[in-house]
Every structure is written in C-alpha cells, then in structure tokens.
Amino acid sequence: MHPLTGLLAGKVGLVVGIANSQSIAAGCADAFRNAGAQLAITYPNERSKPFVEAASKHLEPTLFVPLDVEAAGEREAVFDQIKAT
C-alpha cells in the first residue's frame, strides 16, 4: 500500500503544467492520484494536448480541459467545470 493512500480521498486536485511524463507537474499529479484525489488536468493549447494527454492518461483524470492562463475568463471556466463535476 502506498503511504499516501486515502490522504486526499474525496478531494480534487487541479494540475497545470504537465509537459511530459518526466515533468514535476506529472510527478505531483501521480502523488495526488496515489493519495486518492480525483484530478483535473489542463493543457495550454491544442499543439500540446497530445503530449499532456499521453503523459497523464494513466492518471485517469476526471477532467481534461484547455487552460490558457493569459486568456480572460479561462481560469474561471475551469473552476466552474470542476465545481460542476
């Protein structure tokens, strides 16, 4: 059994910045998932989507949505989607 099992059960973790399976964000997402959290994972644009999707597929995210932090309203839209889910 993983030492973090159940620590984040019933919680949702928002993970941004996954570039590939070796990125720090991917490691954090893996730890959150091992601790029982559901995950909302974002990608910055359509060009990066396949890379982020490949790096996070094994995490079975509840949400996999675009997020450009510089675009007006996108952060709020992601949080609204998390709340709705």
PDB file of N, CA and C in Angstrom:
ATOM      1  N   MET A   1       0.840  -1.178   0.000  1.00  0.00           N
ATOM      2  CA  MET A   1       0.000   0.000   0.000  1.00  0.00           C
ATOM      3  C   MET A   1       0.884   1.239   0.000  1.00  0.00           C
ATOM      4  N   HIS A   2       0.497   2.210  -0.808  1.00  0.00           N
ATOM      5  CA  HIS A   2       1.239   3.463  -0.900  1.00  0.00           C
ATOM      6  C   HIS A   2       1.048   4.255   0.393  1.00  0.00           C
ATOM      7  N   PRO A   3       2.094   4.921   0.900  1.00  0.00           N
ATOM      8  CA  PRO A   3       1.974   5.639   2.176  1.00  0.00           C
ATOM      9  C   PRO A   3       0.968   6.790   2.157  1.00  0.00           C
ATOM     10  N   LEU A   4       0.631   7.300   0.979  1.00  0.00           N
ATOM     11  CA  LEU A   4      -0.314   8.410   0.891  1.00  0.00           C
ATOM     12  C   LEU A   4      -1.748   7.961   0.640  1.00  0.00           C
ATOM     13  N   THR A   5      -1.973   6.668   0.548  1.00  0.00           N
ATOM     14  CA  THR A   5      -3.289   6.144   0.199  1.00  0.00           C
ATOM     15  C   THR A   5      -4.381   6.733   1.086  1.00  0.00           C
ATOM     16  N   GLY A   6      -5.392   7.311   0.454  1.00  0.00           N
ATOM     17  CA  GLY A   6      -6.541   7.836   1.171  1.00  0.00           C
ATOM     18  C   GLY A   6      -6.387   9.232   1.729  1.00  0.00           C
ATOM     19  N   LEU A   7      -5.190   9.772   1.745  1.00  0.00           N
ATOM     20  CA  LEU A   7      -4.963  11.088   2.340  1.00  0.00           C
ATOM     21  C   LEU A   7      -5.791  12.180   1.656  1.00  0.00           C
ATOM     22  N   LEU A   8      -5.980  12.068   0.348  1.00  0.00           N
ATOM     23  CA  LEU A   8      -6.735  13.078  -0.395  1.00  0.00           C
ATOM     24  C   LEU A   8      -8.052  12.532  -0.945  1.00  0.00           C
ATOM     25  N   ALA A   9      -8.543  11.467  -0.369  1.00  0.00           N
ATOM     26  CA  ALA A   9      -9.814  10.886  -0.827  1.00  0.00           C
ATOM     27  C   ALA A   9     -10.917  11.930  -0.710  1.00  0.00           C
ATOM     28  N   GLY A  10     -11.736  12.036  -1.754  1.00  0.00           N
ATOM     29  CA  GLY A  10     -12.825  12.988  -1.763  1.00  0.00           C
ATOM     30  C   GLY A  10     -12.415  14.391  -2.172  1.00  0.00           C
ATOM     31  N   LYS A  11     -11.156  14.590  -2.509  1.00  0.00           N
ATOM     32  CA  LYS A  11     -10.654  15.900  -2.923  1.00  0.00           C
ATOM     33  C   LYS A  11     -10.402  15.892  -4.427  1.00  0.00           C
ATOM     34  N   VAL A  12     -10.332  17.092  -5.005  1.00  0.00           N
ATOM     35  CA  VAL A  12      -9.998  17.250  -6.420  1.00  0.00           C
ATOM     36  C   VAL A  12      -8.727  18.072  -6.517  1.00  0.00           C
ATOM     37  N   GLY A  13      -7.759  17.559  -7.278  1.00  0.00           N
ATOM     38  CA  GLY A  13      -6.522  18.283  -7.496  1.00  0.00           C
ATOM     39  C   GLY A  13      -6.494  18.856  -8.897  1.00  0.00           C
ATOM     40  N   LEU A  14      -6.235  20.155  -9.018  1.00  0.00           N
ATOM     41  CA  LEU A  14      -6.071  20.804 -10.311  1.00  0.00           C
ATOM     42  C   LEU A  14      -4.592  20.816 -10.634  1.00  0.00           C
ATOM     43  N   VAL A  15      -4.232  20.195 -11.755  1.00  0.00           N
ATOM     44  CA  VAL A  15      -2.825  20.103 -12.135  1.00  0.00           C
ATOM     45  C   VAL A  15      -2.620  20.818 -13.461  1.00  0.00           C
ATOM     46  N   VAL A  16      -1.743  21.808 -13.448  1.00  0.00           N
ATOM     47  CA  VAL A  16      -1.377  22.537 -14.664  1.00  0.00           C
ATOM     48  C   VAL A  16       0.122  22.358 -14.875  1.00  0.00           C
ATOM     49  N   GLY A  17       0.558  22.471 -16.098  1.00  0.00           N
ATOM     50  CA  GLY A  17       1.995  22.467 -16.378  1.00  0.00           C
ATOM     51  C   GLY A  17       2.613  21.129 -16.691  1.00  0.00           C
ATOM     52  N   ILE A  18       1.807  20.109 -16.960  1.00  0.00           N
ATOM     53  CA  ILE A  18       2.393  18.836 -17.378  1.00  0.00           C
ATOM     54  C   ILE A  18       2.899  18.996 -18.810  1.00  0.00           C
ATOM     55  N   ALA A  19       4.180  18.810 -18.998  1.00  0.00           N
ATOM     56  CA  ALA A  19       4.762  18.896 -20.334  1.00  0.00           C
ATOM     57  C   ALA A  19       5.012  17.506 -20.906  1.00  0.00           C
ATOM     58  N   ASN A  20       5.437  16.608 -20.034  1.00  0.00           N
ATOM     59  CA  ASN A  20       5.693  15.217 -20.422  1.00  0.00           C
ATOM     60  C   ASN A  20       5.705  14.382 -19.146  1.00  0.00           C
ATOM     61  N   SER A  21       5.928  13.096 -19.284  1.00  0.00           N
ATOM     62  CA  SER A  21       5.864  12.213 -18.115  1.00  0.00           C
ATOM     63  C   SER A  21       6.989  12.446 -17.111  1.00  0.00           C
ATOM     64  N   GLN A  22       8.015  13.197 -17.497  1.00  0.00           N
ATOM     65  CA  GLN A  22       9.135  13.468 -16.600  1.00  0.00           C
ATOM     66  C   GLN A  22       9.035  14.825 -15.906  1.00  0.00           C
ATOM     67  N   SER A  23       7.978  15.588 -16.188  1.00  0.00           N
ATOM     68  CA  SER A  23       7.861  16.926 -15.608  1.00  0.00           C
ATOM     69  C   SER A  23       7.463  16.845 -14.132  1.00  0.00           C
ATOM     70  N   ILE A  24       7.814  17.868 -13.408  1.00  0.00           N
ATOM     71  CA  ILE A  24       7.482  17.932 -11.987  1.00  0.00           C
ATOM     72  C   ILE A  24       5.973  17.869 -11.799  1.00  0.00           C
ATOM     73  N   ALA A  25       5.229  18.547 -12.660  1.00  0.00           N
ATOM     74  CA  ALA A  25       3.768  18.538 -12.547  1.00  0.00           C
ATOM     75  C   ALA A  25       3.208  17.127 -12.704  1.00  0.00           C
ATOM     76  N   ALA A  26       3.807  16.324 -13.579  1.00  0.00           N
ATOM     77  CA  ALA A  26       3.360  14.936 -13.754  1.00  0.00           C
ATOM     78  C   ALA A  26       3.626  14.132 -12.486  1.00  0.00           C
ATOM     79  N   GLY A  27       4.760  14.365 -11.856  1.00  0.00           N
ATOM     80  CA  GLY A  27       5.071  13.686 -10.592  1.00  0.00           C
ATOM     81  C   GLY A  27       4.116  14.085  -9.485  1.00  0.00           C
ATOM     82  N   CYS A  28       3.764  15.369  -9.431  1.00  0.00           N
ATOM     83  CA  CYS A  28       2.794  15.837  -8.433  1.00  0.00           C
ATOM     84  C   CYS A  28       1.431  15.203  -8.680  1.00  0.00           C
ATOM     85  N   ALA A  29       1.012  15.161  -9.947  1.00  0.00           N
ATOM     86  CA  ALA A  29      -0.281  14.560 -10.285  1.00  0.00           C
ATOM     87  C   ALA A  29      -0.306  13.096  -9.876  1.00  0.00           C
ATOM     88  N   ASP A  30       0.781  12.396 -10.103  1.00  0.00           N
ATOM     89  CA  ASP A  30       0.872  10.988  -9.722  1.00  0.00           C
ATOM     90  C   ASP A  30       0.732  10.828  -8.207  1.00  0.00           C
ATOM     91  N   ALA A  31       1.387  11.706  -7.456  1.00  0.00           N
ATOM     92  CA  ALA A  31       1.297  11.650  -5.987  1.00  0.00           C
ATOM     93  C   ALA A  31      -0.119  11.961  -5.512  1.00  0.00           C
ATOM     94  N   PHE A  32      -0.755  12.957  -6.128  1.00  0.00           N
ATOM     95  CA  PHE A  32      -2.138  13.287  -5.758  1.00  0.00           C
ATOM     96  C   PHE A  32      -3.062  12.109  -6.018  1.00  0.00           C
ATOM     97  N   ARG A  33      -2.876  11.465  -7.166  1.00  0.00           N
ATOM     98  CA  ARG A  33      -3.719  10.324  -7.531  1.00  0.00           C
ATOM     99  C   ARG A  33      -3.483   9.165  -6.563  1.00  0.00           C
ATOM    100  N   ASN A  34      -2.216   8.902  -6.217  1.00  0.00           N
ATOM    101  CA  ASN A  34      -1.902   7.840  -5.256  1.00  0.00           C
ATOM    102  C   ASN A  34      -2.501   8.121  -3.877  1.00  0.00           C
ATOM    103  N   ALA A  35      -2.708   9.402  -3.588  1.00  0.00           N
ATOM    104  CA  ALA A  35      -3.294   9.781  -2.308  1.00  0.00           C
ATOM    105  C   ALA A  35      -4.822   9.774  -2.359  1.00  0.00           C
ATOM    106  N   GLY A  36      -5.385   9.430  -3.504  1.00  0.00           N
ATOM    107  CA  GLY A  36      -6.827   9.273  -3.613  1.00  0.00           C
ATOM    108  C   GLY A  36      -7.591  10.430  -4.221  1.00  0.00           C
ATOM    109  N   ALA A  37      -6.900  11.456  -4.677  1.00  0.00           N
ATOM    110  CA  ALA A  37      -7.585  12.612  -5.255  1.00  0.00           C
ATOM    111  C   ALA A  37      -8.079  12.321  -6.661  1.00  0.00           C
ATOM    112  N   GLN A  38      -9.189  12.944  -7.000  1.00  0.00           N
ATOM    113  CA  GLN A  38      -9.614  12.995  -8.391  1.00  0.00           C
ATOM    114  C   GLN A  38      -8.805  14.111  -9.030  1.00  0.00           C
ATOM    115  N   LEU A  39      -8.548  14.011 -10.324  1.00  0.00           N
ATOM    116  CA  LEU A  39      -7.700  15.005 -10.965  1.00  0.00           C
ATOM    117  C   LEU A  39      -8.402  15.751 -12.078  1.00  0.00           C
ATOM    118  N   ALA A  40      -8.144  17.048 -12.124  1.00  0.00           N
ATOM    119  CA  ALA A  40      -8.498  17.896 -13.251  1.00  0.00           C
ATOM    120  C   ALA A  40      -7.162  18.332 -13.845  1.00  0.00           C
ATOM    121  N   ILE A  41      -6.905  17.924 -15.060  1.00  0.00           N
ATOM    122  CA  ILE A  41      -5.625  18.208 -15.705  1.00  0.00           C
ATOM    123  C   ILE A  41      -5.872  19.127 -16.891  1.00  0.00           C
ATOM    124  N   THR A  42      -5.004  20.133 -17.028  1.00  0.00           N
ATOM    125  CA  THR A  42      -5.161  21.095 -18.108  1.00  0.00           C
ATOM    126  C   THR A  42      -3.985  21.023 -19.075  1.00  0.00           C
ATOM    127  N   TYR A  43      -4.248  21.525 -20.263  1.00  0.00           N
ATOM    128  CA  TYR A  43      -3.201  21.673 -21.283  1.00  0.00           C
ATOM    129  C   TYR A  43      -3.323  23.091 -21.850  1.00  0.00           C
ATOM    130  N   PRO A  44      -2.210  23.714 -22.233  1.00  0.00           N
ATOM    131  CA  PRO A  44      -2.262  25.121 -22.611  1.00  0.00           C
ATOM    132  C   PRO A  44      -2.819  25.416 -24.006  1.00  0.00           C
ATOM    133  N   ASN A  45      -2.692  24.475 -24.947  1.00  0.00           N
ATOM    134  CA  ASN A  45      -3.157  24.714 -26.305  1.00  0.00           C
ATOM    135  C   ASN A  45      -3.286  23.391 -27.056  1.00  0.00           C
ATOM    136  N   GLU A  46      -3.894  23.436 -28.214  1.00  0.00           N
ATOM    137  CA  GLU A  46      -4.131  22.209 -28.993  1.00  0.00           C
ATOM    138  C   GLU A  46      -2.833  21.523 -29.408  1.00  0.00           C
ATOM    139  N   ARG A  47      -1.792  22.296 -29.643  1.00  0.00           N
ATOM    140  CA  ARG A  47      -0.498  21.719 -30.042  1.00  0.00           C
ATOM    141  C   ARG A  47       0.092  20.846 -28.935  1.00  0.00           C
ATOM    142  N   SER A  48      -0.098  21.246 -27.688  1.00  0.00           N
ATOM    143  CA  SER A  48       0.466  20.499 -26.559  1.00  0.00           C
ATOM    144  C   SER A  48      -0.455  19.388 -26.065  1.00  0.00           C
ATOM    145  N   LYS A  49      -1.709  19.424 -26.465  1.00  0.00           N
ATOM    146  CA  LYS A  49      -2.696  18.472 -25.960  1.00  0.00           C
ATOM    147  C   LYS A  49      -2.263  17.014 -26.072  1.00  0.00           C
ATOM    148  N   PRO A  50      -1.751  16.539 -27.238  1.00  0.00           N
ATOM    149  CA  PRO A  50      -1.370  15.122 -27.324  1.00  0.00           C
ATOM    150  C   PRO A  50      -0.254  14.724 -26.354  1.00  0.00           C
ATOM    151  N   PHE A  51       0.662  15.647 -26.081  1.00  0.00           N
ATOM    152  CA  PHE A  51       1.771  15.352 -25.177  1.00  0.00           C
ATOM    153  C   PHE A  51       1.281  15.252 -23.729  1.00  0.00           C
ATOM    154  N   VAL A  52       0.436  16.194 -23.340  1.00  0.00           N
ATOM    155  CA  VAL A  52      -0.114  16.183 -21.980  1.00  0.00           C
ATOM    156  C   VAL A  52      -1.028  14.973 -21.805  1.00  0.00           C
ATOM    157  N   GLU A  53      -1.825  14.681 -22.831  1.00  0.00           N
ATOM    158  CA  GLU A  53      -2.731  13.538 -22.765  1.00  0.00           C
ATOM    159  C   GLU A  53      -1.966  12.229 -22.601  1.00  0.00           C
ATOM    160  N   ALA A  54      -0.881  12.071 -23.350  1.00  0.00           N
ATOM    161  CA  ALA A  54      -0.070  10.853 -23.252  1.00  0.00           C
ATOM    162  C   ALA A  54       0.584  10.734 -21.871  1.00  0.00           C
ATOM    163  N   ALA A  55       1.032  11.859 -21.325  1.00  0.00           N
ATOM    164  CA  ALA A  55       1.707  11.843 -20.029  1.00  0.00           C
ATOM    165  C   ALA A  55       0.744  11.644 -18.865  1.00  0.00           C
ATOM    166  N   SER A  56      -0.549  11.904 -19.079  1.00  0.00           N
ATOM    167  CA  SER A  56      -1.490  11.841 -17.966  1.00  0.00           C
ATOM    168  C   SER A  56      -2.574  10.777 -18.125  1.00  0.00           C
ATOM    169  N   LYS A  57      -2.560  10.044 -19.213  1.00  0.00           N
ATOM    170  CA  LYS A  57      -3.617   9.058 -19.461  1.00  0.00           C
ATOM    171  C   LYS A  57      -3.736   8.040 -18.327  1.00  0.00           C
ATOM    172  N   HIS A  58      -2.607   7.567 -17.816  1.00  0.00           N
ATOM    173  CA  HIS A  58      -2.629   6.559 -16.750  1.00  0.00           C
ATOM    174  C   HIS A  58      -3.221   7.091 -15.452  1.00  0.00           C
ATOM    175  N   LEU A  59      -3.340   8.403 -15.325  1.00  0.00           N
ATOM    176  CA  LEU A  59      -3.887   9.019 -14.119  1.00  0.00           C
ATOM    177  C   LEU A  59      -5.408   9.055 -14.128  1.00  0.00           C
ATOM    178  N   GLU A  60      -5.996   8.754 -15.267  1.00  0.00           N
ATOM    179  CA  GLU A  60      -7.454   8.746 -15.423  1.00  0.00           C
ATOM    180  C   GLU A  60      -8.087  10.016 -14.859  1.00  0.00           C
ATOM    181  N   PRO A  61      -7.739  11.170 -15.422  1.00  0.00           N
ATOM    182  CA  PRO A  61      -8.296  12.415 -14.892  1.00  0.00           C
ATOM    183  C   PRO A  61      -9.812  12.488 -15.056  1.00  0.00           C
ATOM    184  N   THR A  62     -10.462  13.084 -14.082  1.00  0.00           N
ATOM    185  CA  THR A  62     -11.896  13.319 -14.144  1.00  0.00           C
ATOM    186  C   THR A  62     -12.197  14.373 -15.198  1.00  0.00           C
ATOM    187  N   LEU A  63     -11.330  15.380 -15.280  1.00  0.00           N
ATOM    188  CA  LEU A  63     -11.442  16.426 -16.295  1.00  0.00           C
ATOM    189  C   LEU A  63     -10.110  16.567 -17.015  1.00  0.00           C
ATOM    190  N   PHE A  64     -10.188  16.788 -18.311  1.00  0.00           N
ATOM    191  CA  PHE A  64      -9.010  17.072 -19.122  1.00  0.00           C
ATOM    192  C   PHE A  64      -9.408  18.218 -20.039  1.00  0.00           C
ATOM    193  N   VAL A  65      -9.011  19.428 -19.671  1.00  0.00           N
ATOM    194  CA  VAL A  65      -9.535  20.624 -20.327  1.00  0.00           C
ATOM    195  C   VAL A  65      -8.422  21.616 -20.670  1.00  0.00           C
ATOM    196  N   PRO A  66      -8.679  22.470 -21.682  1.00  0.00           N
ATOM    197  CA  PRO A  66      -7.691  23.501 -22.024  1.00  0.00           C
ATOM    198  C   PRO A  66      -7.688  24.617 -20.988  1.00  0.00           C
ATOM    199  N   LEU A  67      -6.518  25.207 -20.805  1.00  0.00           N
ATOM    200  CA  LEU A  67      -6.399  26.371 -19.920  1.00  0.00           C
ATOM    201  C   LEU A  67      -5.231  27.227 -20.371  1.00  0.00           C
ATOM    202  N   ASP A  68      -5.548  28.383 -20.912  1.00  0.00           N
ATOM    203  CA  ASP A  68      -4.552  29.399 -21.222  1.00  0.00           C
ATOM    204  C   ASP A  68      -4.689  30.439 -20.121  1.00  0.00           C
ATOM    205  N   VAL A  69      -3.749  30.479 -19.199  1.00  0.00           N
ATOM    206  CA  VAL A  69      -3.881  31.343 -18.027  1.00  0.00           C
ATOM    207  C   VAL A  69      -3.873  32.822 -18.387  1.00  0.00           C
ATOM    208  N   GLU A  70      -3.432  33.157 -19.592  1.00  0.00           N
ATOM    209  CA  GLU A  70      -3.423  34.553 -20.017  1.00  0.00           C
ATOM    210  C   GLU A  70      -4.732  34.970 -20.677  1.00  0.00           C
ATOM    211  N   ALA A  71      -5.583  34.026 -21.013  1.00  0.00           N
ATOM    212  CA  ALA A  71      -6.852  34.339 -21.674  1.00  0.00           C
ATOM    213  C   ALA A  71      -7.915  34.696 -20.638  1.00  0.00           C
ATOM    214  N   ALA A  72      -8.577  35.788 -20.876  1.00  0.00           N
ATOM    215  CA  ALA A  72      -9.615  36.250 -19.948  1.00  0.00           C
ATOM    216  C   ALA A  72     -10.715  35.210 -19.796  1.00  0.00           C
ATOM    217  N   GLY A  73     -11.025  34.894 -18.537  1.00  0.00           N
ATOM    218  CA  GLY A  73     -12.136  34.012 -18.235  1.00  0.00           C
ATOM    219  C   GLY A  73     -11.840  32.529 -18.250  1.00  0.00           C
ATOM    220  N   GLU A  74     -10.695  32.115 -18.761  1.00  0.00           N
ATOM    221  CA  GLU A  74     -10.434  30.668 -18.839  1.00  0.00           C
ATOM    222  C   GLU A  74     -10.210  30.034 -17.473  1.00  0.00           C
ATOM    223  N   ARG A  75      -9.535  30.719 -16.579  1.00  0.00           N
ATOM    224  CA  ARG A  75      -9.334  30.161 -15.228  1.00  0.00           C
ATOM    225  C   ARG A  75     -10.681  29.948 -14.555  1.00  0.00           C
ATOM    226  N   GLU A  76     -11.522  30.947 -14.639  1.00  0.00           N
ATOM    227  CA  GLU A  76     -12.850  30.850 -14.033  1.00  0.00           C
ATOM    228  C   GLU A  76     -13.649  29.720 -14.647  1.00  0.00           C
ATOM    229  N   ALA A  77     -13.533  29.556 -15.971  1.00  0.00           N
ATOM    230  CA  ALA A  77     -14.270  28.493 -16.669  1.00  0.00           C
ATOM    231  C   ALA A  77     -13.814  27.117 -16.194  1.00  0.00           C
ATOM    232  N   VAL A  78     -12.519  26.944 -15.966  1.00  0.00           N
ATOM    233  CA  VAL A  78     -12.006  25.663 -15.477  1.00  0.00           C
ATOM    234  C   VAL A  78     -12.548  25.387 -14.073  1.00  0.00           C
ATOM    235  N   PHE A  79     -12.532  26.376 -13.212  1.00  0.00           N
ATOM    236  CA  PHE A  79     -13.059  26.182 -11.860  1.00  0.00           C
ATOM    237  C   PHE A  79     -14.560  25.894 -11.888  1.00  0.00           C
ATOM    238  N   ASP A  80     -15.276  26.543 -12.804  1.00  0.00           N
ATOM    239  CA  ASP A  80     -16.708  26.241 -12.943  1.00  0.00           C
ATOM    240  C   ASP A  80     -16.926  24.808 -13.381  1.00  0.00           C
ATOM    241  N   GLN A  81     -16.079  24.315 -14.288  1.00  0.00           N
ATOM    242  CA  GLN A  81     -16.186  22.917 -14.725  1.00  0.00           C
ATOM    243  C   GLN A  81     -15.879  21.954 -13.589  1.00  0.00           C
ATOM    244  N   ILE A  82     -14.886  22.294 -12.785  1.00  0.00           N
ATOM    245  CA  ILE A  82     -14.548  21.445 -11.630  1.00  0.00           C
ATOM    246  C   ILE A  82     -15.736  21.393 -10.661  1.00  0.00           C
ATOM    247  N   LYS A  83     -16.312  22.537 -10.370  1.00  0.00           N
ATOM    248  CA  LYS A  83     -17.457  22.586  -9.458  1.00  0.00           C
ATOM    249  C   LYS A  83     -18.625  21.780 -10.004  1.00  0.00           C
ATOM    250  N   ALA A  84     -18.862  21.870 -11.307  1.00  0.00           N
ATOM    251  CA  ALA A  84     -19.980  21.177 -11.934  1.00  0.00           C
ATOM    252  C   ALA A  84     -19.777  19.661 -11.945  1.00  0.00           C
ATOM    253  N   THR A  85     -18.529  19.233 -11.955  1.00  0.00           N
ATOM    254  CA  THR A  85     -18.210  17.812 -11.993  1.00  0.00           C
ATOM    255  C   THR A  85     -18.177  17.245 -10.602  1.00  0.00           C
TER     256      THR A  85
END
